[in-house]
Amino acid sequence: MGPFFDESGLLKCWGHDRRFLEERIAIGEVLHVVTSDGMTLFPSFQFDSEGGLLPRLAEMLELVDPDMRNPWGDALWLNAPQEDLDGMTPAEALRTSRADDALTIGSHAGAFRLP
């Protein structure tokens, strides 16, 4: 799932300010996790080499974890190869013509979350 960006590293690499980042987090376009010592990290898989965002991530997270109760689990699931995606991970599939298939799988995964 790693490597990770910390906030300052992401902002430097990404070329945006903190407000822009906070807005992307609020609307679910950027996934962040918090370590046991309280550090906020941003898994790098969700950004392309130019800093672009993972397409349809907000839509996927709304299906898989609408209350964002388990961002670590979400990040792991997004990076787990899926048989129904011919071995691609959901994150990889979101960047391809298989995005709709990944979202369908995400809707099924979200249905099995414990309340």
PDB file of N, CA and C in Angstrom:
ATOM      1  N   MET A   1       0.824  -1.186   0.000  1.00  0.00           N
ATOM      2  CA  MET A   1       0.000   0.000   0.000  1.00  0.00           C
ATOM      3  C   MET A   1       0.869   1.250   0.000  1.00  0.00           C
ATOM      4  N   GLY A   2       2.048   1.169   0.579  1.00  0.00           N
ATOM      5  CA  GLY A   2       2.941   2.329   0.604  1.00  0.00           C
ATOM      6  C   GLY A   2       3.682   2.445  -0.711  1.00  0.00           C
ATOM      7  N   PRO A   3       4.491   3.392  -0.872  1.00  0.00           N
ATOM      8  CA  PRO A   3       4.910   4.391   0.096  1.00  0.00           C
ATOM      9  C   PRO A   3       3.816   5.420   0.382  1.00  0.00           C
ATOM     10  N   PHE A   4       4.105   6.295   1.336  1.00  0.00           N
ATOM     11  CA  PHE A   4       3.154   7.307   1.767  1.00  0.00           C
ATOM     12  C   PHE A   4       3.769   8.692   1.640  1.00  0.00           C
ATOM     13  N   PHE A   5       2.904   9.686   1.505  1.00  0.00           N
ATOM     14  CA  PHE A   5       3.302  11.084   1.645  1.00  0.00           C
ATOM     15  C   PHE A   5       2.840  11.562   3.015  1.00  0.00           C
ATOM     16  N   ASP A   6       3.646  12.409   3.667  1.00  0.00           N
ATOM     17  CA  ASP A   6       3.089  13.177   4.770  1.00  0.00           C
ATOM     18  C   ASP A   6       2.505  14.447   4.141  1.00  0.00           C
ATOM     19  N   GLU A   7       1.848  15.267   4.932  1.00  0.00           N
ATOM     20  CA  GLU A   7       1.165  16.425   4.353  1.00  0.00           C
ATOM     21  C   GLU A   7       2.120  17.363   3.634  1.00  0.00           C
ATOM     22  N   SER A   8       3.231  17.705   4.255  1.00  0.00           N
ATOM     23  CA  SER A   8       4.153  18.651   3.620  1.00  0.00           C
ATOM     24  C   SER A   8       4.753  18.070   2.348  1.00  0.00           C
ATOM     25  N   GLY A   9       5.083  16.788   2.363  1.00  0.00           N
ATOM     26  CA  GLY A   9       5.621  16.149   1.165  1.00  0.00           C
ATOM     27  C   GLY A   9       4.615  16.106   0.035  1.00  0.00           C
ATOM     28  N   LEU A  10       3.367  15.822   0.373  1.00  0.00           N
ATOM     29  CA  LEU A  10       2.323  15.786  -0.650  1.00  0.00           C
ATOM     30  C   LEU A  10       2.103  17.166  -1.244  1.00  0.00           C
ATOM     31  N   LEU A  11       2.000  18.180  -0.396  1.00  0.00           N
ATOM     32  CA  LEU A  11       1.766  19.532  -0.900  1.00  0.00           C
ATOM     33  C   LEU A  11       2.918  20.000  -1.775  1.00  0.00           C
ATOM     34  N   LYS A  12       4.135  19.678  -1.398  1.00  0.00           N
ATOM     35  CA  LYS A  12       5.308  20.065  -2.196  1.00  0.00           C
ATOM     36  C   LYS A  12       5.290  19.363  -3.551  1.00  0.00           C
ATOM     37  N   CYS A  13       5.047  18.069  -3.550  1.00  0.00           N
ATOM     38  CA  CYS A  13       5.028  17.281  -4.781  1.00  0.00           C
ATOM     39  C   CYS A  13       3.837  17.648  -5.659  1.00  0.00           C
ATOM     40  N   TRP A  14       2.720  17.883  -5.008  1.00  0.00           N
ATOM     41  CA  TRP A  14       1.443  18.084  -5.687  1.00  0.00           C
ATOM     42  C   TRP A  14       1.298  19.491  -6.253  1.00  0.00           C
ATOM     43  N   GLY A  15       1.899  20.469  -5.573  1.00  0.00           N
ATOM     44  CA  GLY A  15       1.813  21.840  -6.040  1.00  0.00           C
ATOM     45  C   GLY A  15       0.518  22.549  -5.676  1.00  0.00           C
ATOM     46  N   HIS A  16      -0.181  22.053  -4.676  1.00  0.00           N
ATOM     47  CA  HIS A  16      -1.408  22.700  -4.208  1.00  0.00           C
ATOM     48  C   HIS A  16      -1.216  23.139  -2.766  1.00  0.00           C
ATOM     49  N   ASP A  17      -2.146  23.981  -2.288  1.00  0.00           N
ATOM     50  CA  ASP A  17      -2.060  24.422  -0.901  1.00  0.00           C
ATOM     51  C   ASP A  17      -2.895  23.534   0.017  1.00  0.00           C
ATOM     52  N   ARG A  18      -2.770  23.799   1.309  1.00  0.00           N
ATOM     53  CA  ARG A  18      -3.443  22.975   2.320  1.00  0.00           C
ATOM     54  C   ARG A  18      -4.963  23.036   2.177  1.00  0.00           C
ATOM     55  N   ARG A  19      -5.479  24.202   1.850  1.00  0.00           N
ATOM     56  CA  ARG A  19      -6.938  24.337   1.695  1.00  0.00           C
ATOM     57  C   ARG A  19      -7.454  23.419   0.592  1.00  0.00           C
ATOM     58  N   PHE A  20      -6.749  23.386  -0.518  1.00  0.00           N
ATOM     59  CA  PHE A  20      -7.139  22.501  -1.622  1.00  0.00           C
ATOM     60  C   PHE A  20      -7.135  21.049  -1.157  1.00  0.00           C
ATOM     61  N   LEU A  21      -6.105  20.654  -0.411  1.00  0.00           N
ATOM     62  CA  LEU A  21      -6.021  19.292   0.111  1.00  0.00           C
ATOM     63  C   LEU A  21      -7.199  19.004   1.041  1.00  0.00           C
ATOM     64  N   GLU A  22      -7.487  19.915   1.954  1.00  0.00           N
ATOM     65  CA  GLU A  22      -8.603  19.716   2.885  1.00  0.00           C
ATOM     66  C   GLU A  22      -9.931  19.570   2.145  1.00  0.00           C
ATOM     67  N   GLU A  23     -10.111  20.346   1.078  1.00  0.00           N
ATOM     68  CA  GLU A  23     -11.334  20.228   0.270  1.00  0.00           C
ATOM     69  C   GLU A  23     -11.414  18.861  -0.391  1.00  0.00           C
ATOM     70  N   ARG A  24     -10.300  18.370  -0.932  1.00  0.00           N
ATOM     71  CA  ARG A  24     -10.290  17.056  -1.583  1.00  0.00           C
ATOM     72  C   ARG A  24     -10.579  15.945  -0.573  1.00  0.00           C
ATOM     73  N   ILE A  25     -10.060  16.092   0.636  1.00  0.00           N
ATOM     74  CA  ILE A  25     -10.345  15.113   1.689  1.00  0.00           C
ATOM     75  C   ILE A  25     -11.831  15.139   2.032  1.00  0.00           C
ATOM     76  N   ALA A  26     -12.387  16.334   2.200  1.00  0.00           N
ATOM     77  CA  ALA A  26     -13.789  16.478   2.603  1.00  0.00           C
ATOM     78  C   ALA A  26     -14.753  15.855   1.604  1.00  0.00           C
ATOM     79  N   ILE A  27     -14.420  15.903   0.328  1.00  0.00           N
ATOM     80  CA  ILE A  27     -15.328  15.337  -0.681  1.00  0.00           C
ATOM     81  C   ILE A  27     -14.939  13.913  -1.079  1.00  0.00           C
ATOM     82  N   GLY A  28     -13.956  13.357  -0.386  1.00  0.00           N
ATOM     83  CA  GLY A  28     -13.603  11.958  -0.589  1.00  0.00           C
ATOM     84  C   GLY A  28     -12.702  11.675  -1.766  1.00  0.00           C
ATOM     85  N   GLU A  29     -12.089  12.703  -2.333  1.00  0.00           N
ATOM     86  CA  GLU A  29     -11.205  12.491  -3.477  1.00  0.00           C
ATOM     87  C   GLU A  29      -9.792  12.111  -3.069  1.00  0.00           C
ATOM     88  N   VAL A  30      -9.459  12.307  -1.806  1.00  0.00           N
ATOM     89  CA  VAL A  30      -8.137  11.947  -1.291  1.00  0.00           C
ATOM     90  C   VAL A  30      -8.337  11.122  -0.027  1.00  0.00           C
ATOM     91  N   LEU A  31      -7.714   9.965  -0.005  1.00  0.00           N
ATOM     92  CA  LEU A  31      -7.767   9.059   1.133  1.00  0.00           C
ATOM     93  C   LEU A  31      -6.572   9.328   2.041  1.00  0.00           C
ATOM     94  N   HIS A  32      -6.832   9.442   3.325  1.00  0.00           N
ATOM     95  CA  HIS A  32      -5.736   9.596   4.287  1.00  0.00           C
ATOM     96  C   HIS A  32      -5.919   8.591   5.409  1.00  0.00           C
ATOM     97  N   VAL A  33      -4.812   8.231   6.007  1.00  0.00           N
ATOM     98  CA  VAL A  33      -4.805   7.305   7.138  1.00  0.00           C
ATOM     99  C   VAL A  33      -4.056   7.979   8.282  1.00  0.00           C
ATOM    100  N   VAL A  34      -4.342   7.530   9.489  1.00  0.00           N
ATOM    101  CA  VAL A  34      -3.684   8.089  10.669  1.00  0.00           C
ATOM    102  C   VAL A  34      -2.953   6.955  11.383  1.00  0.00           C
ATOM    103  N   THR A  35      -1.675   7.183  11.660  1.00  0.00           N
ATOM    104  CA  THR A  35      -0.863   6.170  12.333  1.00  0.00           C
ATOM    105  C   THR A  35      -1.198   6.130  13.824  1.00  0.00           C
ATOM    106  N   SER A  36      -0.683   5.128  14.506  1.00  0.00           N
ATOM    107  CA  SER A  36      -0.948   4.980  15.940  1.00  0.00           C
ATOM    108  C   SER A  36      -0.405   6.154  16.756  1.00  0.00           C
ATOM    109  N   ASP A  37       0.582   6.867  16.213  1.00  0.00           N
ATOM    110  CA  ASP A  37       1.098   8.042  16.925  1.00  0.00           C
ATOM    111  C   ASP A  37       0.487   9.352  16.426  1.00  0.00           C
ATOM    112  N   GLY A  38      -0.603   9.243  15.658  1.00  0.00           N
ATOM    113  CA  GLY A  38      -1.362  10.422  15.249  1.00  0.00           C
ATOM    114  C   GLY A  38      -0.887  11.121  13.994  1.00  0.00           C
ATOM    115  N   MET A  39       0.045  10.541  13.266  1.00  0.00           N
ATOM    116  CA  MET A  39       0.536  11.163  12.038  1.00  0.00           C
ATOM    117  C   MET A  39      -0.411  10.855  10.881  1.00  0.00           C
ATOM    118  N   THR A  40      -0.774  11.893  10.134  1.00  0.00           N
ATOM    119  CA  THR A  40      -1.627  11.725   8.966  1.00  0.00           C
ATOM    120  C   THR A  40      -0.752  11.450   7.750  1.00  0.00           C
ATOM    121  N   LEU A  41      -1.091  10.375   7.037  1.00  0.00           N
ATOM    122  CA  LEU A  41      -0.344   9.973   5.842  1.00  0.00           C
ATOM    123  C   LEU A  41      -1.302   9.790   4.676  1.00  0.00           C
ATOM    124  N   PHE A  42      -0.764   9.933   3.480  1.00  0.00           N
ATOM    125  CA  PHE A  42      -1.535   9.814   2.255  1.00  0.00           C
ATOM    126  C   PHE A  42      -0.908   8.728   1.386  1.00  0.00           C
ATOM    127  N   PRO A  43      -1.578   7.580   1.227  1.00  0.00           N
ATOM    128  CA  PRO A  43      -1.015   6.509   0.400  1.00  0.00           C
ATOM    129  C   PRO A  43      -0.766   6.999  -1.030  1.00  0.00           C
ATOM    130  N   SER A  44       0.418   6.728  -1.524  1.00  0.00           N
ATOM    131  CA  SER A  44       0.813   7.260  -2.835  1.00  0.00           C
ATOM    132  C   SER A  44       0.087   6.607  -4.005  1.00  0.00           C
ATOM    133  N   PHE A  45      -0.512   5.428  -3.810  1.00  0.00           N
ATOM    134  CA  PHE A  45      -1.179   4.758  -4.928  1.00  0.00           C
ATOM    135  C   PHE A  45      -2.295   5.598  -5.530  1.00  0.00           C
ATOM    136  N   GLN A  46      -2.814   6.547  -4.777  1.00  0.00           N
ATOM    137  CA  GLN A  46      -3.954   7.325  -5.253  1.00  0.00           C
ATOM    138  C   GLN A  46      -3.559   8.522  -6.119  1.00  0.00           C
ATOM    139  N   PHE A  47      -2.269   8.697  -6.357  1.00  0.00           N
ATOM    140  CA  PHE A  47      -1.779   9.795  -7.181  1.00  0.00           C
ATOM    141  C   PHE A  47      -0.979   9.228  -8.344  1.00  0.00           C
ATOM    142  N   ASP A  48      -1.113   9.860  -9.513  1.00  0.00           N
ATOM    143  CA  ASP A  48      -0.279   9.432 -10.630  1.00  0.00           C
ATOM    144  C   ASP A  48       1.041  10.201 -10.594  1.00  0.00           C
ATOM    145  N   SER A  49       1.896   9.962 -11.569  1.00  0.00           N
ATOM    146  CA  SER A  49       3.237  10.554 -11.546  1.00  0.00           C
ATOM    147  C   SER A  49       3.217  12.077 -11.670  1.00  0.00           C
ATOM    148  N   GLU A  50       2.120  12.639 -12.177  1.00  0.00           N
ATOM    149  CA  GLU A  50       1.991  14.092 -12.269  1.00  0.00           C
ATOM    150  C   GLU A  50       1.190  14.675 -11.110  1.00  0.00           C
ATOM    151  N   GLY A  51       0.827  13.842 -10.137  1.00  0.00           N
ATOM    152  CA  GLY A  51       0.051  14.319  -8.997  1.00  0.00           C
ATOM    153  C   GLY A  51      -1.450  14.275  -9.207  1.00  0.00           C
ATOM    154  N   GLY A  52      -1.880  13.718 -10.340  1.00  0.00           N
ATOM    155  CA  GLY A  52      -3.315  13.592 -10.591  1.00  0.00           C
ATOM    156  C   GLY A  52      -3.947  12.593  -9.635  1.00  0.00           C
ATOM    157  N   LEU A  53      -5.216  12.807  -9.362  1.00  0.00           N
ATOM    158  CA  LEU A  53      -5.947  11.961  -8.422  1.00  0.00           C
ATOM    159  C   LEU A  53      -6.451  10.687  -9.075  1.00  0.00           C
ATOM    160  N   LEU A  54      -6.608   9.656  -8.263  1.00  0.00           N
ATOM    161  CA  LEU A  54      -7.164   8.391  -8.724  1.00  0.00           C
ATOM    162  C   LEU A  54      -8.599   8.628  -9.171  1.00  0.00           C
ATOM    163  N   PRO A  55      -8.909   8.371 -10.445  1.00  0.00           N
ATOM    164  CA  PRO A  55     -10.268   8.608 -10.937  1.00  0.00           C
ATOM    165  C   PRO A  55     -11.303   7.818 -10.142  1.00  0.00           C
ATOM    166  N   ARG A  56     -12.390   8.462  -9.836  1.00  0.00           N
ATOM    167  CA  ARG A  56     -13.573   7.861  -9.223  1.00  0.00           C
ATOM    168  C   ARG A  56     -13.335   7.314  -7.818  1.00  0.00           C
ATOM    169  N   LEU A  57     -12.251   7.762  -7.162  1.00  0.00           N
ATOM    170  CA  LEU A  57     -11.984   7.292  -5.805  1.00  0.00           C
ATOM    171  C   LEU A  57     -13.121   7.663  -4.859  1.00  0.00           C
ATOM    172  N   ALA A  58     -13.633   8.878  -4.957  1.00  0.00           N
ATOM    173  CA  ALA A  58     -14.723   9.296  -4.063  1.00  0.00           C
ATOM    174  C   ALA A  58     -15.934   8.393  -4.236  1.00  0.00           C
ATOM    175  N   GLU A  59     -16.244   8.063  -5.470  1.00  0.00           N
ATOM    176  CA  GLU A  59     -17.372   7.173  -5.756  1.00  0.00           C
ATOM    177  C   GLU A  59     -17.134   5.789  -5.140  1.00  0.00           C
ATOM    178  N   MET A  60     -15.913   5.295  -5.271  1.00  0.00           N
ATOM    179  CA  MET A  60     -15.581   3.986  -4.711  1.00  0.00           C
ATOM    180  C   MET A  60     -15.670   4.000  -3.190  1.00  0.00           C
ATOM    181  N   LEU A  61     -15.101   5.013  -2.560  1.00  0.00           N
ATOM    182  CA  LEU A  61     -15.124   5.070  -1.102  1.00  0.00           C
ATOM    183  C   LEU A  61     -16.543   5.199  -0.569  1.00  0.00           C
ATOM    184  N   GLU A  62     -17.400   5.880  -1.291  1.00  0.00           N
ATOM    185  CA  GLU A  62     -18.803   5.992  -0.881  1.00  0.00           C
ATOM    186  C   GLU A  62     -19.475   4.621  -0.880  1.00  0.00           C
ATOM    187  N   LEU A  63     -19.079   3.766  -1.792  1.00  0.00           N
ATOM    188  CA  LEU A  63     -19.631   2.408  -1.846  1.00  0.00           C
ATOM    189  C   LEU A  63     -19.031   1.500  -0.774  1.00  0.00           C
ATOM    190  N   VAL A  64     -17.732   1.580  -0.619  1.00  0.00           N
ATOM    191  CA  VAL A  64     -17.013   0.647   0.247  1.00  0.00           C
ATOM    192  C   VAL A  64     -17.099   1.045   1.725  1.00  0.00           C
ATOM    193  N   ASP A  65     -16.997   2.326   1.997  1.00  0.00           N
ATOM    194  CA  ASP A  65     -16.927   2.789   3.392  1.00  0.00           C
ATOM    195  C   ASP A  65     -17.505   4.200   3.492  1.00  0.00           C
ATOM    196  N   PRO A  66     -18.826   4.338   3.354  1.00  0.00           N
ATOM    197  CA  PRO A  66     -19.428   5.671   3.281  1.00  0.00           C
ATOM    198  C   PRO A  66     -19.172   6.551   4.504  1.00  0.00           C
ATOM    199  N   ASP A  67     -18.974   5.963   5.657  1.00  0.00           N
ATOM    200  CA  ASP A  67     -18.709   6.749   6.866  1.00  0.00           C
ATOM    201  C   ASP A  67     -17.220   6.893   7.161  1.00  0.00           C
ATOM    202  N   MET A  68     -16.389   6.370   6.276  1.00  0.00           N
ATOM    203  CA  MET A  68     -14.929   6.411   6.432  1.00  0.00           C
ATOM    204  C   MET A  68     -14.500   5.935   7.818  1.00  0.00           C
ATOM    205  N   ARG A  69     -15.039   4.794   8.210  1.00  0.00           N
ATOM    206  CA  ARG A  69     -14.718   4.208   9.514  1.00  0.00           C
ATOM    207  C   ARG A  69     -13.386   3.470   9.517  1.00  0.00           C
ATOM    208  N   ASN A  70     -12.947   3.011   8.334  1.00  0.00           N
ATOM    209  CA  ASN A  70     -11.758   2.163   8.294  1.00  0.00           C
ATOM    210  C   ASN A  70     -10.868   2.521   7.101  1.00  0.00           C
ATOM    211  N   PRO A  71     -10.237   3.696   7.113  1.00  0.00           N
ATOM    212  CA  PRO A  71      -9.412   4.080   5.963  1.00  0.00           C
ATOM    213  C   PRO A  71      -8.232   3.150   5.712  1.00  0.00           C
ATOM    214  N   TRP A  72      -7.646   2.564   6.767  1.00  0.00           N
ATOM    215  CA  TRP A  72      -6.570   1.595   6.549  1.00  0.00           C
ATOM    216  C   TRP A  72      -7.107   0.389   5.784  1.00  0.00           C
ATOM    217  N   GLY A  73      -8.250  -0.112   6.198  1.00  0.00           N
ATOM    218  CA  GLY A  73      -8.868  -1.244   5.503  1.00  0.00           C
ATOM    219  C   GLY A  73      -9.231  -0.896   4.075  1.00  0.00           C
ATOM    220  N   ASP A  74      -9.712   0.332   3.864  1.00  0.00           N
ATOM    221  CA  ASP A  74     -10.056   0.773   2.512  1.00  0.00           C
ATOM    222  C   ASP A  74      -8.817   0.775   1.621  1.00  0.00           C
ATOM    223  N   ALA A  75      -7.719   1.319   2.149  1.00  0.00           N
ATOM    224  CA  ALA A  75      -6.475   1.369   1.375  1.00  0.00           C
ATOM    225  C   ALA A  75      -5.976  -0.034   1.049  1.00  0.00           C
ATOM    226  N   LEU A  76      -6.057  -0.929   2.021  1.00  0.00           N
ATOM    227  CA  LEU A  76      -5.648  -2.314   1.762  1.00  0.00           C
ATOM    228  C   LEU A  76      -6.531  -2.961   0.710  1.00  0.00           C
ATOM    229  N   TRP A  77      -7.841  -2.796   0.840  1.00  0.00           N
ATOM    230  CA  TRP A  77      -8.766  -3.404  -0.116  1.00  0.00           C
ATOM    231  C   TRP A  77      -8.531  -2.857  -1.525  1.00  0.00           C
ATOM    232  N   LEU A  78      -8.323  -1.565  -1.640  1.00  0.00           N
ATOM    233  CA  LEU A  78      -8.084  -0.956  -2.951  1.00  0.00           C
ATOM    234  C   LEU A  78      -6.831  -1.506  -3.625  1.00  0.00           C
ATOM    235  N   ASN A  79      -5.919  -2.069  -2.841  1.00  0.00           N
ATOM    236  CA  ASN A  79      -4.662  -2.600  -3.378  1.00  0.00           C
ATOM    237  C   ASN A  79      -4.583  -4.114  -3.378  1.00  0.00           C
ATOM    238  N   ALA A  80      -5.699  -4.768  -3.120  1.00  0.00           N
ATOM    239  CA  ALA A  80      -5.739  -6.235  -3.117  1.00  0.00           C
ATOM    240  C   ALA A  80      -6.205  -6.741  -4.476  1.00  0.00           C
ATOM    241  N   PRO A  81      -5.411  -7.580  -5.145  1.00  0.00           N
ATOM    242  CA  PRO A  81      -5.840  -8.134  -6.433  1.00  0.00           C
ATOM    243  C   PRO A  81      -7.193  -8.837  -6.299  1.00  0.00           C
ATOM    244  N   GLN A  82      -8.034  -8.617  -7.302  1.00  0.00           N
ATOM    245  CA  GLN A  82      -9.380  -9.185  -7.304  1.00  0.00           C
ATOM    246  C   GLN A  82      -9.527 -10.154  -8.475  1.00  0.00           C
ATOM    247  N   GLU A  83      -9.983 -11.337  -8.176  1.00  0.00           N
ATOM    248  CA  GLU A  83     -10.198 -12.343  -9.216  1.00  0.00           C
ATOM    249  C   GLU A  83     -11.147 -11.823 -10.294  1.00  0.00           C
ATOM    250  N   ASP A  84     -12.207 -11.126  -9.873  1.00  0.00           N
ATOM    251  CA  ASP A  84     -13.186 -10.608 -10.835  1.00  0.00           C
ATOM    252  C   ASP A  84     -12.635  -9.486 -11.712  1.00  0.00           C
ATOM    253  N   LEU A  85     -11.464  -8.998 -11.380  1.00  0.00           N
ATOM    254  CA  LEU A  85     -10.790  -7.989 -12.204  1.00  0.00           C
ATOM    255  C   LEU A  85      -9.563  -8.590 -12.890  1.00  0.00           C
ATOM    256  N   ASP A  86      -9.564  -9.907 -13.023  1.00  0.00           N
ATOM    257  CA  ASP A  86      -8.452 -10.617 -13.667  1.00  0.00           C
ATOM    258  C   ASP A  86      -7.114 -10.313 -13.001  1.00  0.00           C
ATOM    259  N   GLY A  87      -7.145 -10.231 -11.672  1.00  0.00           N
ATOM    260  CA  GLY A  87      -5.920 -10.022 -10.921  1.00  0.00           C
ATOM    261  C   GLY A  87      -5.529  -8.574 -10.700  1.00  0.00           C
ATOM    262  N   MET A  88      -6.233  -7.647 -11.327  1.00  0.00           N
ATOM    263  CA  MET A  88      -5.955  -6.233 -11.074  1.00  0.00           C
ATOM    264  C   MET A  88      -6.483  -5.852  -9.696  1.00  0.00           C
ATOM    265  N   THR A  89      -5.901  -4.826  -9.124  1.00  0.00           N
ATOM    266  CA  THR A  89      -6.448  -4.268  -7.896  1.00  0.00           C
ATOM    267  C   THR A  89      -7.556  -3.283  -8.270  1.00  0.00           C
ATOM    268  N   PRO A  90      -8.477  -3.000  -7.360  1.00  0.00           N
ATOM    269  CA  PRO A  90      -9.483  -1.982  -7.656  1.00  0.00           C
ATOM    270  C   PRO A  90      -8.853  -0.628  -8.005  1.00  0.00           C
ATOM    271  N   ALA A  91      -7.771  -0.251  -7.324  1.00  0.00           N
ATOM    272  CA  ALA A  91      -7.110   1.016  -7.638  1.00  0.00           C
ATOM    273  C   ALA A  91      -6.588   1.019  -9.075  1.00  0.00           C
ATOM    274  N   GLU A  92      -5.986  -0.079  -9.502  1.00  0.00           N
ATOM    275  CA  GLU A  92      -5.513  -0.165 -10.893  1.00  0.00           C
ATOM    276  C   GLU A  92      -6.685  -0.091 -11.860  1.00  0.00           C
ATOM    277  N   ALA A  93      -7.750  -0.800 -11.538  1.00  0.00           N
ATOM    278  CA  ALA A  93      -8.910  -0.851 -12.431  1.00  0.00           C
ATOM    279  C   ALA A  93      -9.571   0.509 -12.585  1.00  0.00           C
ATOM    280  N   LEU A  94      -9.540   1.332 -11.541  1.00  0.00           N
ATOM    281  CA  LEU A  94     -10.145   2.664 -11.637  1.00  0.00           C
ATOM    282  C   LEU A  94      -9.450   3.542 -12.671  1.00  0.00           C
ATOM    283  N   ARG A  95      -8.239   3.186 -13.045  1.00  0.00           N
ATOM    284  CA  ARG A  95      -7.504   3.949 -14.063  1.00  0.00           C
ATOM    285  C   ARG A  95      -7.691   3.379 -15.469  1.00  0.00           C
ATOM    286  N   THR A  96      -8.552   2.379 -15.605  1.00  0.00           N
ATOM    287  CA  THR A  96      -8.719   1.705 -16.892  1.00  0.00           C
ATOM    288  C   THR A  96     -10.190   1.649 -17.287  1.00  0.00           C
ATOM    289  N   SER A  97     -10.436   0.957 -18.385  1.00  0.00           N
ATOM    290  CA  SER A  97     -11.818   0.739 -18.836  1.00  0.00           C
ATOM    291  C   SER A  97     -12.579  -0.212 -17.917  1.00  0.00           C
ATOM    292  N   ARG A  98     -11.910  -0.779 -16.923  1.00  0.00           N
ATOM    293  CA  ARG A  98     -12.555  -1.684 -15.962  1.00  0.00           C
ATOM    294  C   ARG A  98     -13.069  -0.949 -14.720  1.00  0.00           C
ATOM    295  N   ALA A  99     -13.103   0.362 -14.763  1.00  0.00           N
ATOM    296  CA  ALA A  99     -13.533   1.139 -13.593  1.00  0.00           C
ATOM    297  C   ALA A  99     -14.944   0.771 -13.147  1.00  0.00           C
ATOM    298  N   ASP A 100     -15.870   0.614 -14.083  1.00  0.00           N
ATOM    299  CA  ASP A 100     -17.239   0.250 -13.702  1.00  0.00           C
ATOM    300  C   ASP A 100     -17.279  -1.117 -13.035  1.00  0.00           C
ATOM    301  N   ASP A 101     -16.460  -2.041 -13.521  1.00  0.00           N
ATOM    302  CA  ASP A 101     -16.386  -3.366 -12.890  1.00  0.00           C
ATOM    303  C   ASP A 101     -15.868  -3.241 -11.456  1.00  0.00           C
ATOM    304  N   ALA A 102     -14.854  -2.410 -11.270  1.00  0.00           N
ATOM    305  CA  ALA A 102     -14.301  -2.210  -9.927  1.00  0.00           C
ATOM    306  C   ALA A 102     -15.348  -1.617  -8.995  1.00  0.00           C
ATOM    307  N   LEU A 103     -16.141  -0.677  -9.499  1.00  0.00           N
ATOM    308  CA  LEU A 103     -17.183  -0.071  -8.669  1.00  0.00           C
ATOM    309  C   LEU A 103     -18.262  -1.083  -8.303  1.00  0.00           C
ATOM    310  N   THR A 104     -18.584  -1.969  -9.220  1.00  0.00           N
ATOM    311  CA  THR A 104     -19.554  -3.026  -8.909  1.00  0.00           C
ATOM    312  C   THR A 104     -19.021  -3.915  -7.790  1.00  0.00           C
ATOM    313  N   ILE A 105     -17.756  -4.293  -7.886  1.00  0.00           N
ATOM    314  CA  ILE A 105     -17.139  -5.108  -6.837  1.00  0.00           C
ATOM    315  C   ILE A 105     -17.113  -4.326  -5.522  1.00  0.00           C
ATOM    316  N   GLY A 106     -16.837  -3.044  -5.607  1.00  0.00           N
ATOM    317  CA  GLY A 106     -16.845  -2.203  -4.413  1.00  0.00           C
ATOM    318  C   GLY A 106     -18.203  -2.141  -3.746  1.00  0.00           C
ATOM    319  N   SER A 107     -19.253  -2.128  -4.548  1.00  0.00           N
ATOM    320  CA  SER A 107     -20.598  -2.085  -3.960  1.00  0.00           C
ATOM    321  C   SER A 107     -20.897  -3.371  -3.208  1.00  0.00           C
ATOM    322  N   HIS A 108     -20.393  -4.487  -3.714  1.00  0.00           N
ATOM    323  CA  HIS A 108     -20.578  -5.760  -3.012  1.00  0.00           C
ATOM    324  C   HIS A 108     -19.726  -5.805  -1.741  1.00  0.00           C
ATOM    325  N   ALA A 109     -18.509  -5.310  -1.826  1.00  0.00           N
ATOM    326  CA  ALA A 109     -17.632  -5.297  -0.645  1.00  0.00           C
ATOM    327  C   ALA A 109     -18.228  -4.418   0.444  1.00  0.00           C
ATOM    328  N   GLY A 110     -18.765  -3.276   0.061  1.00  0.00           N
ATOM    329  CA  GLY A 110     -19.370  -2.375   1.033  1.00  0.00           C
ATOM    330  C   GLY A 110     -20.582  -2.966   1.710  1.00  0.00           C
ATOM    331  N   ALA A 111     -21.300  -3.824   1.013  1.00  0.00           N
ATOM    332  CA  ALA A 111     -22.500  -4.440   1.578  1.00  0.00           C
ATOM    333  C   ALA A 111     -22.165  -5.386   2.719  1.00  0.00           C
ATOM    334  N   PHE A 112     -20.914  -5.834   2.792  1.00  0.00           N
ATOM    335  CA  PHE A 112     -20.515  -6.782   3.834  1.00  0.00           C
ATOM    336  C   PHE A 112     -19.859  -6.117   5.037  1.00  0.00           C
ATOM    337  N   ARG A 113     -19.823  -4.799   5.063  1.00  0.00           N
ATOM    338  CA  ARG A 113     -19.248  -4.087   6.212  1.00  0.00           C
ATOM    339  C   ARG A 113     -20.142  -4.267   7.427  1.00  0.00           C
ATOM    340  N   LEU A 114     -19.533  -4.390   8.568  1.00  0.00           N
ATOM    341  CA  LEU A 114     -20.297  -4.471   9.813  1.00  0.00           C
ATOM    342  C   LEU A 114     -20.761  -3.074  10.197  1.00  0.00           C
ATOM    343  N   PRO A 115     -21.972  -2.949  10.727  1.00  0.00           N
ATOM    344  CA  PRO A 115     -22.465  -1.613  11.117  1.00  0.00           C
ATOM    345  C   PRO A 115     -21.696  -1.047  12.293  1.00  0.00           C
TER     346      PRO A 115
END
